[in-house]
Amino acid sequence: MTALPTSIGKLTSLTRLDLRNNKLLSLPAALGNLSQLTWLDLRNNRFVALPAQMGELPHLQKLDLRWNKLAARPAWLQRLEQCGCTVYQ
């Protein structure tokens, strides 16, 4: 998979999303609408940046970013960690 549709943001009851081992370059900002998401696996894609809206996921407990090439660590990651989210980077 190389892209996610913006319509993913309509899946507001989704709790787990496994996107590992794809060829994703970016994520739609609408991902920030997944207010019930607790687990997000983004390992082994091609991300260099992530949408800031991901920092607004209130129930996120696990975020796995390993094996991506993020240009910089987003500031919002610290906010997620302070809310109890475990971030693997």
PDB file of N, CA and C in Angstrom:
ATOM      1  N   MET A   1       0.847  -1.167   0.000  1.00  0.00           N
ATOM      2  CA  MET A   1       0.000   0.000   0.000  1.00  0.00           C
ATOM      3  C   MET A   1       0.898   1.239   0.000  1.00  0.00           C
ATOM      4  N   THR A   2       0.546   2.213  -0.805  1.00  0.00           N
ATOM      5  CA  THR A   2       1.351   3.422  -0.895  1.00  0.00           C
ATOM      6  C   THR A   2       0.645   4.669  -0.380  1.00  0.00           C
ATOM      7  N   ALA A   3      -0.668   4.597  -0.163  1.00  0.00           N
ATOM      8  CA  ALA A   3      -1.410   5.771   0.333  1.00  0.00           C
ATOM      9  C   ALA A   3      -2.668   5.317   1.064  1.00  0.00           C
ATOM     10  N   LEU A   4      -3.087   6.144   2.006  1.00  0.00           N
ATOM     11  CA  LEU A   4      -4.337   5.916   2.724  1.00  0.00           C
ATOM     12  C   LEU A   4      -5.338   6.968   2.284  1.00  0.00           C
ATOM     13  N   PRO A   5      -6.593   6.594   2.099  1.00  0.00           N
ATOM     14  CA  PRO A   5      -7.592   7.598   1.714  1.00  0.00           C
ATOM     15  C   PRO A   5      -7.946   8.501   2.894  1.00  0.00           C
ATOM     16  N   THR A   6      -8.318   9.709   2.602  1.00  0.00           N
ATOM     17  CA  THR A   6      -8.748  10.654   3.633  1.00  0.00           C
ATOM     18  C   THR A   6      -9.954  10.114   4.389  1.00  0.00           C
ATOM     19  N   SER A   7     -10.732   9.289   3.732  1.00  0.00           N
ATOM     20  CA  SER A   7     -11.937   8.738   4.352  1.00  0.00           C
ATOM     21  C   SER A   7     -11.636   7.860   5.566  1.00  0.00           C
ATOM     22  N   ILE A   8     -10.383   7.515   5.792  1.00  0.00           N
ATOM     23  CA  ILE A   8     -10.030   6.740   6.993  1.00  0.00           C
ATOM     24  C   ILE A   8     -10.471   7.487   8.253  1.00  0.00           C
ATOM     25  N   GLY A   9     -10.523   8.791   8.178  1.00  0.00           N
ATOM     26  CA  GLY A   9     -10.933   9.607   9.315  1.00  0.00           C
ATOM     27  C   GLY A   9     -12.380   9.408   9.727  1.00  0.00           C
ATOM     28  N   LYS A  10     -13.164   8.731   8.895  1.00  0.00           N
ATOM     29  CA  LYS A  10     -14.567   8.467   9.215  1.00  0.00           C
ATOM     30  C   LYS A  10     -14.733   7.232  10.091  1.00  0.00           C
ATOM     31  N   LEU A  11     -13.678   6.484  10.298  1.00  0.00           N
ATOM     32  CA  LEU A  11     -13.735   5.263  11.106  1.00  0.00           C
ATOM     33  C   LEU A  11     -13.520   5.605  12.576  1.00  0.00           C
ATOM     34  N   THR A  12     -14.376   6.427  13.106  1.00  0.00           N
ATOM     35  CA  THR A  12     -14.176   6.995  14.446  1.00  0.00           C
ATOM     36  C   THR A  12     -14.262   5.975  15.580  1.00  0.00           C
ATOM     37  N   SER A  13     -14.779   4.788  15.325  1.00  0.00           N
ATOM     38  CA  SER A  13     -14.847   3.752  16.361  1.00  0.00           C
ATOM     39  C   SER A  13     -13.659   2.797  16.309  1.00  0.00           C
ATOM     40  N   LEU A  14     -12.787   2.976  15.353  1.00  0.00           N
ATOM     41  CA  LEU A  14     -11.624   2.102  15.190  1.00  0.00           C
ATOM     42  C   LEU A  14     -10.718   2.204  16.416  1.00  0.00           C
ATOM     43  N   THR A  15     -10.272   1.052  16.936  1.00  0.00           N
ATOM     44  CA  THR A  15      -9.408   1.060  18.119  1.00  0.00           C
ATOM     45  C   THR A  15      -7.981   0.620  17.804  1.00  0.00           C
ATOM     46  N   ARG A  16      -7.796  -0.190  16.770  1.00  0.00           N
ATOM     47  CA  ARG A  16      -6.458  -0.676  16.407  1.00  0.00           C
ATOM     48  C   ARG A  16      -6.258  -0.500  14.913  1.00  0.00           C
ATOM     49  N   LEU A  17      -5.059  -0.034  14.541  1.00  0.00           N
ATOM     50  CA  LEU A  17      -4.746   0.150  13.128  1.00  0.00           C
ATOM     51  C   LEU A  17      -3.314  -0.303  12.886  1.00  0.00           C
ATOM     52  N   ASP A  18      -3.165  -1.317  12.063  1.00  0.00           N
ATOM     53  CA  ASP A  18      -1.858  -1.890  11.748  1.00  0.00           C
ATOM     54  C   ASP A  18      -1.509  -1.549  10.307  1.00  0.00           C
ATOM     55  N   LEU A  19      -0.570  -0.639  10.136  1.00  0.00           N
ATOM     56  CA  LEU A  19      -0.122  -0.206   8.813  1.00  0.00           C
ATOM     57  C   LEU A  19       1.340  -0.552   8.572  1.00  0.00           C
ATOM     58  N   ARG A  20       1.878  -1.469   9.334  1.00  0.00           N
ATOM     59  CA  ARG A  20       3.300  -1.805   9.209  1.00  0.00           C
ATOM     60  C   ARG A  20       3.593  -2.491   7.876  1.00  0.00           C
ATOM     61  N   ASN A  21       4.859  -2.353   7.475  1.00  0.00           N
ATOM     62  CA  ASN A  21       5.395  -3.024   6.286  1.00  0.00           C
ATOM     63  C   ASN A  21       4.687  -2.640   4.994  1.00  0.00           C
ATOM     64  N   ASN A  22       4.446  -1.343   4.818  1.00  0.00           N
ATOM     65  CA  ASN A  22       3.893  -0.835   3.577  1.00  0.00           C
ATOM     66  C   ASN A  22       4.905   0.134   2.970  1.00  0.00           C
ATOM     67  N   LYS A  23       4.466   0.893   2.016  1.00  0.00           N
ATOM     68  CA  LYS A  23       5.329   1.890   1.382  1.00  0.00           C
ATOM     69  C   LYS A  23       4.711   3.279   1.501  1.00  0.00           C
ATOM     70  N   LEU A  24       4.107   3.525   2.646  1.00  0.00           N
ATOM     71  CA  LEU A  24       3.441   4.802   2.884  1.00  0.00           C
ATOM     72  C   LEU A  24       4.467   5.920   3.045  1.00  0.00           C
ATOM     73  N   LEU A  25       4.235   7.019   2.360  1.00  0.00           N
ATOM     74  CA  LEU A  25       5.094   8.201   2.471  1.00  0.00           C
ATOM     75  C   LEU A  25       4.500   9.235   3.415  1.00  0.00           C
ATOM     76  N   SER A  26       3.173   9.240   3.515  1.00  0.00           N
ATOM     77  CA  SER A  26       2.497  10.218   4.361  1.00  0.00           C
ATOM     78  C   SER A  26       1.171   9.643   4.835  1.00  0.00           C
ATOM     79  N   LEU A  27       0.599  10.318   5.821  1.00  0.00           N
ATOM     80  CA  LEU A  27      -0.706   9.953   6.355  1.00  0.00           C
ATOM     81  C   LEU A  27      -1.630  11.150   6.235  1.00  0.00           C
ATOM     82  N   PRO A  28      -2.913  10.910   5.980  1.00  0.00           N
ATOM     83  CA  PRO A  28      -3.837  12.044   5.913  1.00  0.00           C
ATOM     84  C   PRO A  28      -4.063  12.646   7.301  1.00  0.00           C
ATOM     85  N   ALA A  29      -4.235  13.949   7.351  1.00  0.00           N
ATOM     86  CA  ALA A  29      -4.506  14.639   8.615  1.00  0.00           C
ATOM     87  C   ALA A  29      -5.773  14.091   9.269  1.00  0.00           C
ATOM     88  N   ALA A  30      -6.676  13.538   8.471  1.00  0.00           N
ATOM     89  CA  ALA A  30      -7.929  12.983   8.985  1.00  0.00           C
ATOM     90  C   ALA A  30      -7.691  11.831   9.959  1.00  0.00           C
ATOM     91  N   LEU A  31      -6.486  11.293  10.002  1.00  0.00           N
ATOM     92  CA  LEU A  31      -6.169  10.240  10.970  1.00  0.00           C
ATOM     93  C   LEU A  31      -6.391  10.750  12.397  1.00  0.00           C
ATOM     94  N   GLY A  32      -6.271  12.042  12.590  1.00  0.00           N
ATOM     95  CA  GLY A  32      -6.501  12.651  13.891  1.00  0.00           C
ATOM     96  C   GLY A  32      -7.947  12.552  14.364  1.00  0.00           C
ATOM     97  N   ASN A  33      -8.862  12.158  13.476  1.00  0.00           N
ATOM     98  CA  ASN A  33     -10.273  11.997  13.834  1.00  0.00           C
ATOM     99  C   ASN A  33     -10.561  10.652  14.496  1.00  0.00           C
ATOM    100  N   LEU A  34      -9.592   9.758  14.525  1.00  0.00           N
ATOM    101  CA  LEU A  34      -9.815   8.415  15.072  1.00  0.00           C
ATOM    102  C   LEU A  34      -9.733   8.472  16.598  1.00  0.00           C
ATOM    103  N   SER A  35     -10.725   9.063  17.192  1.00  0.00           N
ATOM    104  CA  SER A  35     -10.700   9.392  18.613  1.00  0.00           C
ATOM    105  C   SER A  35     -10.682   8.184  19.549  1.00  0.00           C
ATOM    106  N   GLN A  36     -11.034   7.005  19.070  1.00  0.00           N
ATOM    107  CA  GLN A  36     -11.031   5.804  19.917  1.00  0.00           C
ATOM    108  C   GLN A  36      -9.784   4.946  19.717  1.00  0.00           C
ATOM    109  N   LEU A  37      -8.885   5.383  18.849  1.00  0.00           N
ATOM    110  CA  LEU A  37      -7.690   4.600  18.534  1.00  0.00           C
ATOM    111  C   LEU A  37      -6.801   4.434  19.766  1.00  0.00           C
ATOM    112  N   THR A  38      -6.441   3.188  20.067  1.00  0.00           N
ATOM    113  CA  THR A  38      -5.564   2.906  21.209  1.00  0.00           C
ATOM    114  C   THR A  38      -4.218   2.364  20.769  1.00  0.00           C
ATOM    115  N   TRP A  39      -4.137   1.829  19.570  1.00  0.00           N
ATOM    116  CA  TRP A  39      -2.932   1.121  19.118  1.00  0.00           C
ATOM    117  C   TRP A  39      -2.714   1.447  17.651  1.00  0.00           C
ATOM    118  N   LEU A  40      -1.544   1.986  17.323  1.00  0.00           N
ATOM    119  CA  LEU A  40      -1.226   2.368  15.945  1.00  0.00           C
ATOM    120  C   LEU A  40       0.176   1.897  15.605  1.00  0.00           C
ATOM    121  N   ASP A  41       0.277   1.006  14.641  1.00  0.00           N
ATOM    122  CA  ASP A  41       1.569   0.447  14.239  1.00  0.00           C
ATOM    123  C   ASP A  41       1.922   0.967  12.851  1.00  0.00           C
ATOM    124  N   LEU A  42       2.953   1.789  12.801  1.00  0.00           N
ATOM    125  CA  LEU A  42       3.413   2.398  11.544  1.00  0.00           C
ATOM    126  C   LEU A  42       4.815   1.920  11.163  1.00  0.00           C
ATOM    127  N   ARG A  43       5.263   0.834  11.756  1.00  0.00           N
ATOM    128  CA  ARG A  43       6.622   0.338  11.505  1.00  0.00           C
ATOM    129  C   ARG A  43       6.886   0.083  10.024  1.00  0.00           C
ATOM    130  N   ASN A  44       8.132   0.337   9.653  1.00  0.00           N
ATOM    131  CA  ASN A  44       8.659  -0.053   8.351  1.00  0.00           C
ATOM    132  C   ASN A  44       7.846   0.501   7.180  1.00  0.00           C
ATOM    133  N   ASN A  45       7.708   1.807   7.157  1.00  0.00           N
ATOM    134  CA  ASN A  45       7.137   2.512   6.021  1.00  0.00           C
ATOM    135  C   ASN A  45       8.191   3.497   5.522  1.00  0.00           C
ATOM    136  N   ARG A  46       7.766   4.547   4.890  1.00  0.00           N
ATOM    137  CA  ARG A  46       8.716   5.524   4.347  1.00  0.00           C
ATOM    138  C   ARG A  46       8.416   6.944   4.813  1.00  0.00           C
ATOM    139  N   PHE A  47       7.938   7.054   6.044  1.00  0.00           N
ATOM    140  CA  PHE A  47       7.579   8.373   6.577  1.00  0.00           C
ATOM    141  C   PHE A  47       8.813   9.206   6.867  1.00  0.00           C
ATOM    142  N   VAL A  48       8.759  10.466   6.485  1.00  0.00           N
ATOM    143  CA  VAL A  48       9.774  11.438   6.906  1.00  0.00           C
ATOM    144  C   VAL A  48       9.143  12.472   7.826  1.00  0.00           C
ATOM    145  N   ALA A  49       7.808  12.541   7.807  1.00  0.00           N
ATOM    146  CA  ALA A  49       7.055  13.456   8.679  1.00  0.00           C
ATOM    147  C   ALA A  49       5.678  12.834   8.921  1.00  0.00           C
ATOM    148  N   LEU A  50       5.043  13.277   9.997  1.00  0.00           N
ATOM    149  CA  LEU A  50       3.709  12.789  10.349  1.00  0.00           C
ATOM    150  C   LEU A  50       2.803  13.977  10.634  1.00  0.00           C
ATOM    151  N   PRO A  51       1.496  13.843  10.388  1.00  0.00           N
ATOM    152  CA  PRO A  51       0.593  14.973  10.627  1.00  0.00           C
ATOM    153  C   PRO A  51       0.469  15.301  12.119  1.00  0.00           C
ATOM    154  N   ALA A  52       0.487  16.564  12.430  1.00  0.00           N
ATOM    155  CA  ALA A  52       0.394  17.028  13.818  1.00  0.00           C
ATOM    156  C   ALA A  52      -0.904  16.585  14.481  1.00  0.00           C
ATOM    157  N   GLN A  53      -1.940  16.314  13.704  1.00  0.00           N
ATOM    158  CA  GLN A  53      -3.226  15.900  14.254  1.00  0.00           C
ATOM    159  C   GLN A  53      -3.114  14.571  15.006  1.00  0.00           C
ATOM    160  N   MET A  54      -2.086  13.807  14.736  1.00  0.00           N
ATOM    161  CA  MET A  54      -1.894  12.548  15.456  1.00  0.00           C
ATOM    162  C   MET A  54      -1.639  12.803  16.939  1.00  0.00           C
ATOM    163  N   GLY A  55      -1.144  13.954  17.276  1.00  0.00           N
ATOM    164  CA  GLY A  55      -0.909  14.309  18.662  1.00  0.00           C
ATOM    165  C   GLY A  55      -2.187  14.554  19.444  1.00  0.00           C
ATOM    166  N   GLU A  56      -3.318  14.544  18.756  1.00  0.00           N
ATOM    167  CA  GLU A  56      -4.616  14.795  19.387  1.00  0.00           C
ATOM    168  C   GLU A  56      -5.414  13.514  19.605  1.00  0.00           C
ATOM    169  N   LEU A  57      -4.778  12.364  19.480  1.00  0.00           N
ATOM    170  CA  LEU A  57      -5.486  11.093  19.679  1.00  0.00           C
ATOM    171  C   LEU A  57      -5.570  10.808  21.178  1.00  0.00           C
ATOM    172  N   PRO A  58      -6.738  11.021  21.795  1.00  0.00           N
ATOM    173  CA  PRO A  58      -6.843  11.018  23.250  1.00  0.00           C
ATOM    174  C   PRO A  58      -6.660   9.669  23.938  1.00  0.00           C
ATOM    175  N   HIS A  59      -6.889   8.569  23.244  1.00  0.00           N
ATOM    176  CA  HIS A  59      -6.828   7.257  23.884  1.00  0.00           C
ATOM    177  C   HIS A  59      -5.639   6.414  23.426  1.00  0.00           C
ATOM    178  N   LEU A  60      -4.748   6.994  22.655  1.00  0.00           N
ATOM    179  CA  LEU A  60      -3.633   6.229  22.112  1.00  0.00           C
ATOM    180  C   LEU A  60      -2.718   5.735  23.231  1.00  0.00           C
ATOM    181  N   GLN A  61      -2.496   4.420  23.270  1.00  0.00           N
ATOM    182  CA  GLN A  61      -1.653   3.799  24.284  1.00  0.00           C
ATOM    183  C   GLN A  61      -0.335   3.291  23.706  1.00  0.00           C
ATOM    184  N   LYS A  62      -0.332   2.963  22.406  1.00  0.00           N
ATOM    185  CA  LYS A  62       0.883   2.461  21.770  1.00  0.00           C
ATOM    186  C   LYS A  62       0.993   3.040  20.373  1.00  0.00           C
ATOM    187  N   LEU A  63       2.168   3.599  20.081  1.00  0.00           N
ATOM    188  CA  LEU A  63       2.477   4.125  18.756  1.00  0.00           C
ATOM    189  C   LEU A  63       3.849   3.606  18.369  1.00  0.00           C
ATOM    190  N   ASP A  64       3.910   2.824  17.313  1.00  0.00           N
ATOM    191  CA  ASP A  64       5.184   2.241  16.881  1.00  0.00           C
ATOM    192  C   ASP A  64       5.628   2.894  15.580  1.00  0.00           C
ATOM    193  N   LEU A  65       6.742   3.611  15.652  1.00  0.00           N
ATOM    194  CA  LEU A  65       7.282   4.348  14.512  1.00  0.00           C
ATOM    195  C   LEU A  65       8.617   3.794  14.020  1.00  0.00           C
ATOM    196  N   ARG A  66       9.028   2.668  14.544  1.00  0.00           N
ATOM    197  CA  ARG A  66      10.343   2.130  14.204  1.00  0.00           C
ATOM    198  C   ARG A  66      10.480   1.867  12.703  1.00  0.00           C
ATOM    199  N   TRP A  67      11.709   1.961  12.252  1.00  0.00           N
ATOM    200  CA  TRP A  67      12.105   1.670  10.866  1.00  0.00           C
ATOM    201  C   TRP A  67      11.444   2.601   9.856  1.00  0.00           C
ATOM    202  N   ASN A  68      11.325   3.873  10.251  1.00  0.00           N
ATOM    203  CA  ASN A  68      10.945   4.949   9.348  1.00  0.00           C
ATOM    204  C   ASN A  68      12.099   5.942   9.349  1.00  0.00           C
ATOM    205  N   LYS A  69      12.061   6.894   8.490  1.00  0.00           N
ATOM    206  CA  LYS A  69      13.146   7.871   8.400  1.00  0.00           C
ATOM    207  C   LYS A  69      12.631   9.271   8.697  1.00  0.00           C
ATOM    208  N   LEU A  70      12.070   9.425   9.884  1.00  0.00           N
ATOM    209  CA  LEU A  70      11.541  10.738  10.267  1.00  0.00           C
ATOM    210  C   LEU A  70      12.680  11.750  10.309  1.00  0.00           C
ATOM    211  N   ALA A  71      12.461  12.883   9.676  1.00  0.00           N
ATOM    212  CA  ALA A  71      13.488  13.929   9.624  1.00  0.00           C
ATOM    213  C   ALA A  71      13.746  14.509  11.012  1.00  0.00           C
ATOM    214  N   ALA A  72      12.707  14.595  11.831  1.00  0.00           N
ATOM    215  CA  ALA A  72      12.829  15.128  13.189  1.00  0.00           C
ATOM    216  C   ALA A  72      11.749  14.491  14.053  1.00  0.00           C
ATOM    217  N   ARG A  73      12.000  14.454  15.339  1.00  0.00           N
ATOM    218  CA  ARG A  73      11.002  13.913  16.278  1.00  0.00           C
ATOM    219  C   ARG A  73       9.936  14.978  16.499  1.00  0.00           C
ATOM    220  N   PRO A  74       8.694  14.681  16.111  1.00  0.00           N
ATOM    221  CA  PRO A  74       7.630  15.676  16.286  1.00  0.00           C
ATOM    222  C   PRO A  74       7.449  16.056  17.755  1.00  0.00           C
ATOM    223  N   ALA A  75       7.232  17.324  18.018  1.00  0.00           N
ATOM    224  CA  ALA A  75       7.063  17.815  19.386  1.00  0.00           C
ATOM    225  C   ALA A  75       5.848  17.193  20.063  1.00  0.00           C
ATOM    226  N   TRP A  76       4.822  16.874  19.306  1.00  0.00           N
ATOM    227  CA  TRP A  76       3.599  16.320  19.892  1.00  0.00           C
ATOM    228  C   TRP A  76       3.803  14.911  20.449  1.00  0.00           C
ATOM    229  N   LEU A  77       4.879  14.223  20.073  1.00  0.00           N
ATOM    230  CA  LEU A  77       5.149  12.895  20.639  1.00  0.00           C
ATOM    231  C   LEU A  77       5.330  12.972  22.152  1.00  0.00           C
ATOM    232  N   GLN A  78       5.966  14.000  22.620  1.00  0.00           N
ATOM    233  CA  GLN A  78       6.165  14.160  24.061  1.00  0.00           C
ATOM    234  C   GLN A  78       4.822  14.310  24.776  1.00  0.00           C
ATOM    235  N   ARG A  79       3.897  15.017  24.173  1.00  0.00           N
ATOM    236  CA  ARG A  79       2.572  15.195  24.764  1.00  0.00           C
ATOM    237  C   ARG A  79       1.847  13.845  24.867  1.00  0.00           C
ATOM    238  N   LEU A  80       1.968  13.022  23.831  1.00  0.00           N
ATOM    239  CA  LEU A  80       1.358  11.692  23.883  1.00  0.00           C
ATOM    240  C   LEU A  80       1.974  10.853  24.991  1.00  0.00           C
ATOM    241  N   GLU A  81       3.301  10.909  25.100  1.00  0.00           N
ATOM    242  CA  GLU A  81       3.992  10.140  26.141  1.00  0.00           C
ATOM    243  C   GLU A  81       3.562  10.591  27.532  1.00  0.00           C
ATOM    244  N   GLN A  82       3.389  11.886  27.732  1.00  0.00           N
ATOM    245  CA  GLN A  82       2.956  12.410  29.020  1.00  0.00           C
ATOM    246  C   GLN A  82       1.549  11.952  29.369  1.00  0.00           C
ATOM    247  N   CYS A  83       0.759  11.606  28.361  1.00  0.00           N
ATOM    248  CA  CYS A  83      -0.601  11.109  28.581  1.00  0.00           C
ATOM    249  C   CYS A  83      -0.630   9.586  28.726  1.00  0.00           C
ATOM    250  N   GLY A  84       0.547   8.946  28.732  1.00  0.00           N
ATOM    251  CA  GLY A  84       0.609   7.509  28.974  1.00  0.00           C
ATOM    252  C   GLY A  84       0.815   6.654  27.743  1.00  0.00           C
ATOM    253  N   CYS A  85       1.001   7.255  26.599  1.00  0.00           N
ATOM    254  CA  CYS A  85       1.226   6.496  25.370  1.00  0.00           C
ATOM    255  C   CYS A  85       2.682   6.034  25.319  1.00  0.00           C
ATOM    256  N   THR A  86       2.890   4.766  24.979  1.00  0.00           N
ATOM    257  CA  THR A  86       4.235   4.237  24.776  1.00  0.00           C
ATOM    258  C   THR A  86       4.587   4.431  23.310  1.00  0.00           C
ATOM    259  N   VAL A  87       5.673   5.148  23.055  1.00  0.00           N
ATOM    260  CA  VAL A  87       6.107   5.440  21.696  1.00  0.00           C
ATOM    261  C   VAL A  87       7.396   4.676  21.420  1.00  0.00           C
ATOM    262  N   TYR A  88       7.383   3.863  20.389  1.00  0.00           N
ATOM    263  CA  TYR A  88       8.573   3.134  19.948  1.00  0.00           C
ATOM    264  C   TYR A  88       9.089   3.862  18.721  1.00  0.00           C
ATOM    265  N   GLN A  89      10.362   4.287  18.802  1.00  0.00           N
ATOM    266  CA  GLN A  89      10.901   5.066  17.693  1.00  0.00           C
ATOM    267  C   GLN A  89      12.285   4.599  17.336  1.00  0.00           C
TER     268      GLN A  89
END
